[in-house]
């Protein structure tokens, strides 16, 4: 397919009409990437703990501590995402 034709189709698509501050998209991407990294690290650690040869009560303690740490690590990013969402919903000045 001719790239020009494809480009024209994209241009003809109706936009949502929303305009955001120019810093929102890069910050959103950065926050989501950070959360993905935190979650991946958590999943790897959880798998390692699950496969560790130890008694069940110790494993449960380790998993509980890991979940707590995971939640603490995510919290500031989630708060910032919520603040960003509020900015996105507010009119752009």
Foldseek 3Di string as FASTA:
>chain_A
DDPVVVVVVVVPDDDPPADADPVLVVLVVVLVVQLVVLVVVLVVVLVVLVPDPDDPVVSVVVNVVSVVVSCVSSVVSVVVVVVSVVRSPDHDD
